[in-house]
Amino acid sequence: MWRSWLGDKSAAKGLPSLVVMNVAKDLLLPDITHVLVRPLSGLRAIRLHFAIAKPGDAAAIASLRNAAAAALTDLFGRGHWSGETTERGVTFNMRHAQLWTAWRGRSIVGTFRLTTKKPWAIDRAYFARSHCPLYLTDMAISPPLQGQGIGRRCLARAAEIGRGWPADAIRLDAYDAEAGAGAFYSRCGFEEVGRVSYRGTPLVYYEQLIG
């Protein structure tokens, strides 16, 4: 699934860095959006609302990321995707990027992070020329609800946020392995733009132009 389920220890190894966002700029963006996610045929639609994460959400987000990482480990064995996230690490994320949450009722069922700071594992040379790209990292979906359209809606919401930033592209990377989510990103409108090895870890670069 998503490469960005790396835990806090990954940051020390050069996997993604962050940037402090302008608070006043953040306030110009809608912080809550309600949507109806229509899953695969035969399943009931899931009603979601999106909101910028608050400090009080940190424990739930950490638990969600860890559950997603554990699910990947169960399926594919231990790897870079098996790292654990702490509440403190999530709180740090909130100070250094826009951290978004997808809510189903009173539960967080999805999360992703947007930043203008290029993660260390990204090489700009593989991407289209861009005036203001956003980098999407730390995307995770509750394992019991995967395959029901929540991940696709998170990516669509990220594009909406990007257009209001304003940004002209969303960039990300995925593991070049079974545990990666390359096929999913392609189905959601992202274009594969390169394959690299970063510190011995094979990655695939993806980009979606939104300008």
Foldseek 3Di string as FASTA:
>chain_A
DFLQLAAPVVVVVQFFDFAADDPVLVVVDDFKAWDWFAFDPPDDIFIKMKGFDDLVCLQQLQVQSQQQLVVLCVVPNDDSSNHGYDSVNSVVLSRGWGKMFIDRVPHTFKIKTKHQDGGRVDDCVQDDDWPTEIEIHNIGGRVVCPRGGPVLVVVVVVLVVCVSSPTFKYKYKFFPDPSTDVVVVVVSAWDWRDWDADPNTIMIMTMHTRD
